């Protein structure tokens, strides 16, 4: 979309509001990418410490990591829910394309809840998915 907008500026057919579309796509892809990365156990992790621990302690460390990650994503979920609740009646939308922000806020809140749930499951089961 940005490439089309840049080409459009050079040929004098601008794509107005391209940044709004890009921001929407980044929001959607970021929320879904977090879910996919969590399901596949692909979050960034420092494995140097885990390699120094014996198997039992490494398992405990991974479980603690999952608990703290779940708490972090629950905090993000609650914050996203709070913002969505505060602005629910505002009928926010982008300036040029009138893209409503409410569905994006719902997606972000739901994706944070999903990621937190996966981490809670991992902590409960004591293993990666």
Protein backbone atom coordinates (compact mmCIF):
# COMPACT_ATOMS: atom_id res chain seq x y z
CA UNK A 1 0.00 0.00 0.00
CA UNK A 2 2.84 2.36 0.81
CA UNK A 3 4.60 1.46 -2.43
CA UNK A 4 1.42 2.25 -4.36
CA UNK A 5 1.12 5.55 -2.49
CA UNK A 6 4.72 6.52 -3.32
CA UNK A 7 4.28 5.61 -6.99
CA UNK A 8 0.98 7.51 -6.99
CA UNK A 9 2.70 10.65 -5.71
CA UNK A 10 5.25 10.47 -8.53
CA UNK A 11 2.62 10.00 -11.24
CA UNK A 12 0.41 12.65 -9.60
CA UNK A 13 -2.34 10.22 -8.54
CA UNK A 14 -1.88 10.19 -4.77
CA UNK A 15 -3.44 7.57 -2.54
CA UNK A 16 -4.75 9.72 0.24
CA UNK A 17 -4.87 8.14 3.68
CA UNK A 18 -2.46 5.33 2.85
CA UNK A 19 -0.92 5.63 6.31
CA UNK A 20 -4.33 4.85 7.84
CA UNK A 21 -4.57 1.62 5.86
CA UNK A 22 -0.99 0.66 6.75
CA UNK A 23 -1.64 1.31 10.45
CA UNK A 24 -4.73 -0.90 10.32
CA UNK A 25 -2.83 -3.72 8.62
CA UNK A 26 0.06 -3.43 11.11
CA UNK A 27 -2.41 -3.67 14.00
CA UNK A 28 -4.11 -6.74 12.58
CA UNK A 29 -0.91 -8.51 11.58
CA UNK A 30 0.77 -7.69 14.90
CA UNK A 31 -2.11 -9.06 16.96
CA UNK A 32 -2.30 -12.26 14.90
CA UNK A 33 1.48 -12.67 14.83
CA UNK A 34 1.58 -12.63 18.64
CA UNK A 35 -0.93 -15.45 18.75
CA UNK A 36 0.94 -17.52 16.15
CA UNK A 37 4.33 -16.93 17.83
CA UNK A 38 2.91 -17.97 21.20
CA UNK A 39 1.26 -21.12 19.84
CA UNK A 40 4.52 -22.17 18.19
CA UNK A 41 6.72 -21.18 21.16
CA UNK A 42 8.66 -18.66 19.10
CA UNK A 43 8.85 -15.75 21.53
CA UNK A 44 12.31 -14.36 22.22
CA UNK A 45 13.96 -16.22 25.07
CA UNK A 46 17.44 -16.17 26.53
CA UNK A 47 18.43 -19.83 26.41
CA UNK A 48 21.91 -19.36 27.83
CA UNK A 49 20.57 -19.56 31.38
CA UNK A 50 18.43 -22.60 30.57
CA UNK A 51 21.47 -24.44 29.20
CA UNK A 52 23.30 -23.90 32.49
CA UNK A 53 20.48 -25.42 34.56
CA UNK A 54 19.76 -29.07 35.08
CA UNK A 55 16.56 -30.45 33.52
CA UNK A 56 14.42 -30.03 36.64
CA UNK A 57 15.46 -26.42 37.27
CA UNK A 58 15.12 -25.56 33.58
CA UNK A 59 11.56 -26.86 33.66
CA UNK A 60 10.82 -24.68 36.70
CA UNK A 61 12.41 -21.66 34.98
CA UNK A 62 10.28 -22.21 31.86
CA UNK A 63 7.17 -22.49 34.02
CA UNK A 64 8.03 -19.25 35.87
CA UNK A 65 8.66 -17.59 32.52
CA UNK A 66 5.21 -18.67 31.31
CA UNK A 67 3.58 -17.33 34.47
CA UNK A 68 5.23 -13.92 34.15
CA UNK A 69 4.49 -13.78 30.41
CA UNK A 70 0.83 -14.58 31.15
CA UNK A 71 0.73 -11.80 33.75
CA UNK A 72 2.25 -9.36 31.25
CA UNK A 73 -0.24 -10.20 28.52
CA UNK A 74 -3.13 -10.14 31.00
CA UNK A 75 -2.06 -6.61 31.94
CA UNK A 76 -2.03 -5.68 28.24
CA UNK A 77 -5.46 -7.27 27.83
CA UNK A 78 -6.90 -5.37 30.78
CA UNK A 79 -5.36 -2.12 29.57
CA UNK A 80 -6.73 -2.64 26.07
CA UNK A 81 -10.14 -3.49 27.50
CA UNK A 82 -10.07 -0.38 29.68
CA UNK A 83 -9.23 1.88 26.74
CA UNK A 84 -11.91 0.22 24.58
CA UNK A 85 -14.50 0.62 27.35
CA UNK A 86 -13.61 4.28 27.88
CA UNK A 87 -13.84 5.10 24.17
CA UNK A 88 -16.71 2.72 23.27
CA UNK A 89 -19.29 5.47 22.83
CA UNK A 90 -16.87 7.74 20.98
CA UNK A 91 -17.32 6.06 17.60
CA UNK A 92 -13.68 6.69 16.74
CA UNK A 93 -12.65 6.44 13.12
CA UNK A 94 -9.75 7.45 10.94
CA UNK A 95 -9.90 10.84 9.28
CA UNK A 96 -9.89 10.11 5.56
CA UNK A 97 -11.09 6.53 5.15
CA UNK A 98 -13.42 6.56 8.19
CA UNK A 99 -12.02 3.19 9.30
CA UNK A 100 -13.65 2.41 12.67
CA UNK A 101 -11.22 1.69 15.51
CA UNK A 102 -13.68 -0.32 17.61
CA UNK A 103 -13.15 -3.66 15.75
CA UNK A 104 -9.38 -3.22 15.97
CA UNK A 105 -9.61 -2.57 19.72
CA UNK A 106 -11.71 -5.73 20.10
CA UNK A 107 -9.16 -7.73 18.08
CA UNK A 108 -6.23 -6.45 20.14
CA UNK A 109 -8.00 -7.15 23.44
CA UNK A 110 -9.01 -10.65 22.32
CA UNK A 111 -5.54 -11.45 21.00
CA UNK A 112 -3.90 -10.39 24.28
CA UNK A 113 -6.36 -12.62 26.15
CA UNK A 114 -5.57 -15.49 23.79
CA UNK A 115 -1.80 -15.10 24.25
CA UNK A 116 -2.20 -14.93 28.04
CA UNK A 117 -4.35 -18.06 27.95
CA UNK A 118 -1.72 -19.97 26.00
CA UNK A 119 0.97 -18.96 28.49
CA UNK A 120 -1.26 -20.01 31.40
CA UNK A 121 -1.79 -23.37 29.69
CA UNK A 122 1.96 -23.76 29.20
CA UNK A 123 2.61 -22.98 32.87
CA UNK A 124 -0.10 -25.41 33.95
CA UNK A 125 1.11 -28.24 31.77
CA UNK A 126 4.78 -27.46 32.38
CA UNK A 127 5.75 -27.73 28.75
CA UNK A 128 5.72 -25.80 25.51
CA UNK A 129 2.95 -26.44 23.01
